[in-house]
Amino acid sequence: MGSTTKRIFATAVMALIIASGATAHPDKPEKSGTYQALALKNFEYSLHLEEYPGIVESTIYNVVIFKNRFPQLDYAQLASLLQRVAEDNQDASISYKAQLAYMYLSNSSTIDLTPESASSNHGYIFKQISEQLEQKFLASHE
């Protein structure tokens, strides 16, 4: 396994562990904050890996779940990267999910997500975002 592949795999594993909360230590908030900052950096790195669409797509999902779990963090850099992925990615599904994730980061206080635990179907989270955004858009034009 090449060093790039190892780094990508390690990044994906770290992001999943952190997003699932397995490394959060409520009794050690300073350590938890370090893990959160590391997760944000790993998300940024992973969103640049356009040659690995599966990693980009799972990172988009993990960013949404992370924002839902840790809303107080600064997501400005990730929002900017998600907007770039939405505009530039050649895969329509990834572009759409990146746009939804960007809109969630921008409007998270008005979108109520209910993550399913241990679900391998990540589409449900994007469906929740799109349905709530659609309802809000339609309600504002009535």
C-alpha atoms as a PDB file:
ATOM      1  CA  MET A   1       0.000   0.000   0.000  1.00  0.00           C
ATOM      2  CA  GLY A   2       1.460   3.379  -1.032  1.00  0.00           C
ATOM      3  CA  SER A   3       1.916   6.239   1.388  1.00  0.00           C
ATOM      4  CA  THR A   4      -0.861   8.274  -0.264  1.00  0.00           C
ATOM      5  CA  THR A   5      -3.289   5.365   0.016  1.00  0.00           C
ATOM      6  CA  LYS A   6      -2.327   4.827   3.661  1.00  0.00           C
ATOM      7  CA  ARG A   7      -2.871   8.522   4.418  1.00  0.00           C
ATOM      8  CA  ILE A   8      -6.256   8.510   2.679  1.00  0.00           C
ATOM      9  CA  PHE A   9      -7.317   5.392   4.550  1.00  0.00           C
ATOM     10  CA  ALA A  10      -6.114   6.797   7.871  1.00  0.00           C
ATOM     11  CA  THR A  11      -7.919  10.080   7.177  1.00  0.00           C
ATOM     12  CA  ALA A  12     -11.173   8.287   6.372  1.00  0.00           C
ATOM     13  CA  VAL A  13     -10.931   6.068   9.455  1.00  0.00           C
ATOM     14  CA  MET A  14     -10.094   9.023  11.736  1.00  0.00           C
ATOM     15  CA  ALA A  15     -12.992  11.035  10.332  1.00  0.00           C
ATOM     16  CA  LEU A  16     -15.428   8.181  10.897  1.00  0.00           C
ATOM     17  CA  ILE A  17     -14.200   7.589  14.434  1.00  0.00           C
ATOM     18  CA  ILE A  18     -14.414  11.255  15.331  1.00  0.00           C
ATOM     19  CA  ALA A  19     -17.778  11.765  13.650  1.00  0.00           C
ATOM     20  CA  SER A  20     -19.214   8.790  15.518  1.00  0.00           C
ATOM     21  CA  GLY A  21     -18.103  10.302  18.802  1.00  0.00           C
ATOM     22  CA  ALA A  22     -15.964   7.315  19.721  1.00  0.00           C
ATOM     23  CA  THR A  23     -13.064   9.591  20.659  1.00  0.00           C
ATOM     24  CA  ALA A  24     -15.040  12.265  22.471  1.00  0.00           C
ATOM     25  CA  HIS A  25     -14.031  12.444  26.123  1.00  0.00           C
ATOM     26  CA  PRO A  26     -16.526  14.530  28.091  1.00  0.00           C
ATOM     27  CA  ASP A  27     -14.233  14.425  31.120  1.00  0.00           C
ATOM     28  CA  LYS A  28     -11.360  15.894  29.071  1.00  0.00           C
ATOM     29  CA  PRO A  29     -12.790  18.795  27.033  1.00  0.00           C
ATOM     30  CA  GLU A  30      -9.365  20.098  25.989  1.00  0.00           C
ATOM     31  CA  LYS A  31      -8.556  16.736  24.396  1.00  0.00           C
ATOM     32  CA  SER A  32     -11.980  16.564  22.771  1.00  0.00           C
ATOM     33  CA  GLY A  33     -11.388  20.011  21.234  1.00  0.00           C
ATOM     34  CA  THR A  34      -8.090  18.789  19.802  1.00  0.00           C
ATOM     35  CA  TYR A  35      -9.840  15.812  18.207  1.00  0.00           C
ATOM     36  CA  GLN A  36     -12.513  18.082  16.789  1.00  0.00           C
ATOM     37  CA  ALA A  37      -9.924  20.420  15.251  1.00  0.00           C
ATOM     38  CA  LEU A  38      -8.101  17.416  13.794  1.00  0.00           C
ATOM     39  CA  ALA A  39     -11.366  16.121  12.333  1.00  0.00           C
ATOM     40  CA  LEU A  40     -12.046  19.480  10.640  1.00  0.00           C
ATOM     41  CA  LYS A  41      -8.543  19.432   9.096  1.00  0.00           C
ATOM     42  CA  ASN A  42      -9.045  15.837   7.927  1.00  0.00           C
ATOM     43  CA  PHE A  43     -12.373  16.781   6.365  1.00  0.00           C
ATOM     44  CA  GLU A  44     -10.689  19.651   4.519  1.00  0.00           C
ATOM     45  CA  TYR A  45      -7.957  17.330   3.256  1.00  0.00           C
ATOM     46  CA  SER A  46     -10.440  14.658   2.163  1.00  0.00           C
ATOM     47  CA  LEU A  47     -12.613  17.101   0.205  1.00  0.00           C
ATOM     48  CA  HIS A  48      -9.591  17.810  -2.009  1.00  0.00           C
ATOM     49  CA  LEU A  49      -9.271  14.146  -3.043  1.00  0.00           C
ATOM     50  CA  GLU A  50     -11.319  14.387  -6.234  1.00  0.00           C
ATOM     51  CA  GLU A  51      -9.589  11.315  -7.673  1.00  0.00           C
ATOM     52  CA  TYR A  52     -11.280   9.282  -4.909  1.00  0.00           C
ATOM     53  CA  PRO A  53     -15.010  10.053  -5.245  1.00  0.00           C
ATOM     54  CA  GLY A  54     -15.999   7.621  -2.481  1.00  0.00           C
ATOM     55  CA  ILE A  55     -13.848   9.445   0.036  1.00  0.00           C
ATOM     56  CA  VAL A  56     -15.196  12.837  -1.042  1.00  0.00           C
ATOM     57  CA  GLU A  57     -18.782  11.592  -0.812  1.00  0.00           C
ATOM     58  CA  SER A  58     -18.339  10.006   2.624  1.00  0.00           C
ATOM     59  CA  THR A  59     -16.548  13.142   3.837  1.00  0.00           C
ATOM     60  CA  ILE A  60     -19.517  15.272   2.794  1.00  0.00           C
ATOM     61  CA  TYR A  61     -21.782  13.006   4.849  1.00  0.00           C
ATOM     62  CA  ASN A  62     -19.402  13.095   7.830  1.00  0.00           C
ATOM     63  CA  VAL A  63     -19.218  16.903   7.725  1.00  0.00           C
ATOM     64  CA  VAL A  64     -23.022  17.090   7.989  1.00  0.00           C
ATOM     65  CA  ILE A  65     -23.116  14.621  10.886  1.00  0.00           C
ATOM     66  CA  PHE A  66     -20.233  16.432  12.605  1.00  0.00           C
ATOM     67  CA  LYS A  67     -21.997  19.809  12.245  1.00  0.00           C
ATOM     68  CA  ASN A  68     -25.148  18.281  13.697  1.00  0.00           C
ATOM     69  CA  ARG A  69     -23.195  16.922  16.652  1.00  0.00           C
ATOM     70  CA  PHE A  70     -20.807  19.869  17.182  1.00  0.00           C
ATOM     71  CA  PRO A  71     -22.679  22.973  15.942  1.00  0.00           C
ATOM     72  CA  GLN A  72     -20.483  25.431  17.875  1.00  0.00           C
ATOM     73  CA  LEU A  73     -17.340  24.812  15.769  1.00  0.00           C
ATOM     74  CA  ASP A  74     -16.217  27.093  12.944  1.00  0.00           C
ATOM     75  CA  TYR A  75     -17.208  25.509   9.627  1.00  0.00           C
ATOM     76  CA  ALA A  76     -16.404  28.498   7.364  1.00  0.00           C
ATOM     77  CA  GLN A  77     -13.479  26.788   5.619  1.00  0.00           C
ATOM     78  CA  LEU A  78     -15.452  23.582   5.106  1.00  0.00           C
ATOM     79  CA  ALA A  79     -18.434  25.539   3.786  1.00  0.00           C
ATOM     80  CA  SER A  80     -16.172  27.186   1.231  1.00  0.00           C
ATOM     81  CA  LEU A  81     -14.720  23.829   0.193  1.00  0.00           C
ATOM     82  CA  LEU A  82     -18.180  22.276  -0.078  1.00  0.00           C
ATOM     83  CA  GLN A  83     -19.282  25.117  -2.322  1.00  0.00           C
ATOM     84  CA  ARG A  84     -16.235  24.492  -4.537  1.00  0.00           C
ATOM     85  CA  VAL A  85     -16.966  20.753  -4.690  1.00  0.00           C
ATOM     86  CA  ALA A  86     -20.601  21.512  -5.577  1.00  0.00           C
ATOM     87  CA  GLU A  87     -19.509  23.753  -8.444  1.00  0.00           C
ATOM     88  CA  ASP A  88     -16.496  21.823  -9.770  1.00  0.00           C
ATOM     89  CA  ASN A  89     -17.040  18.099  -9.186  1.00  0.00           C
ATOM     90  CA  GLN A  90     -17.814  16.090 -12.317  1.00  0.00           C
ATOM     91  CA  ASP A  91     -20.076  13.642 -10.455  1.00  0.00           C
ATOM     92  CA  ALA A  92     -23.618  15.055 -10.311  1.00  0.00           C
ATOM     93  CA  SER A  93     -24.486  13.103  -7.153  1.00  0.00           C
ATOM     94  CA  ILE A  94     -21.436  14.410  -5.291  1.00  0.00           C
ATOM     95  CA  SER A  95     -22.095  17.952  -6.498  1.00  0.00           C
ATOM     96  CA  TYR A  96     -25.703  17.761  -5.308  1.00  0.00           C
ATOM     97  CA  LYS A  97     -24.749  16.353  -1.899  1.00  0.00           C
ATOM     98  CA  ALA A  98     -22.028  18.979  -1.512  1.00  0.00           C
ATOM     99  CA  GLN A  99     -24.586  21.711  -2.278  1.00  0.00           C
ATOM    100  CA  LEU A 100     -27.015  20.272   0.260  1.00  0.00           C
ATOM    101  CA  ALA A 101     -24.233  20.018   2.852  1.00  0.00           C
ATOM    102  CA  TYR A 102     -23.221  23.626   2.153  1.00  0.00           C
ATOM    103  CA  MET A 103     -26.830  24.739   2.598  1.00  0.00           C
ATOM    104  CA  TYR A 104     -27.057  22.745   5.827  1.00  0.00           C
ATOM    105  CA  LEU A 105     -23.899  24.388   7.204  1.00  0.00           C
ATOM    106  CA  SER A 106     -25.348  27.778   6.276  1.00  0.00           C
ATOM    107  CA  ASN A 107     -28.827  27.077   7.709  1.00  0.00           C
ATOM    108  CA  SER A 108     -28.302  24.381  10.335  1.00  0.00           C
ATOM    109  CA  SER A 109     -30.331  26.227  12.958  1.00  0.00           C
ATOM    110  CA  THR A 110     -33.437  25.917  10.783  1.00  0.00           C
ATOM    111  CA  ILE A 111     -32.934  22.297   9.695  1.00  0.00           C
ATOM    112  CA  ASP A 112     -33.716  19.494  12.122  1.00  0.00           C
ATOM    113  CA  LEU A 113     -31.705  16.358  11.297  1.00  0.00           C
ATOM    114  CA  THR A 114     -32.407  12.991  12.833  1.00  0.00           C
ATOM    115  CA  PRO A 115     -29.398  10.766  12.120  1.00  0.00           C
ATOM    116  CA  GLU A 116     -30.053   7.036  12.081  1.00  0.00           C
ATOM    117  CA  SER A 117     -27.561   5.169  14.201  1.00  0.00           C
ATOM    118  CA  ALA A 118     -25.477   2.472  12.498  1.00  0.00           C
ATOM    119  CA  SER A 119     -27.085   3.106   9.123  1.00  0.00           C
ATOM    120  CA  SER A 120     -25.120   2.269   6.001  1.00  0.00           C
ATOM    121  CA  ASN A 121     -27.595   4.263   3.905  1.00  0.00           C
ATOM    122  CA  HIS A 122     -26.293   7.824   3.981  1.00  0.00           C
ATOM    123  CA  GLY A 123     -28.863   9.096   1.509  1.00  0.00           C
ATOM    124  CA  TYR A 124     -31.480   9.554   4.216  1.00  0.00           C
ATOM    125  CA  ILE A 125     -29.591  12.512   5.728  1.00  0.00           C
ATOM    126  CA  PHE A 126     -29.484  14.356   2.407  1.00  0.00           C
ATOM    127  CA  LYS A 127     -33.153  13.566   1.853  1.00  0.00           C
ATOM    128  CA  GLN A 128     -33.972  15.187   5.213  1.00  0.00           C
ATOM    129  CA  ILE A 129     -32.024  18.307   4.252  1.00  0.00           C
ATOM    130  CA  SER A 130     -33.581  18.602   0.791  1.00  0.00           C
ATOM    131  CA  GLU A 131     -37.138  18.023   2.059  1.00  0.00           C
ATOM    132  CA  GLN A 132     -36.816  20.625   4.803  1.00  0.00           C
ATOM    133  CA  LEU A 133     -35.240  23.172   2.465  1.00  0.00           C
ATOM    134  CA  GLU A 134     -38.004  22.550  -0.062  1.00  0.00           C
ATOM    135  CA  GLN A 135     -40.692  23.020   2.606  1.00  0.00           C
ATOM    136  CA  LYS A 136     -39.115  26.270   3.760  1.00  0.00           C
ATOM    137  CA  PHE A 137     -38.810  27.526   0.187  1.00  0.00           C
ATOM    138  CA  LEU A 138     -42.422  26.667  -0.640  1.00  0.00           C
ATOM    139  CA  ALA A 139     -43.679  28.180   2.622  1.00  0.00           C
ATOM    140  CA  SER A 140     -41.866  31.425   1.903  1.00  0.00           C
ATOM    141  CA  HIS A 141     -43.536  31.729  -1.506  1.00  0.00           C
ATOM    142  CA  GLU A 142     -47.141  31.159  -0.421  1.00  0.00           C
END
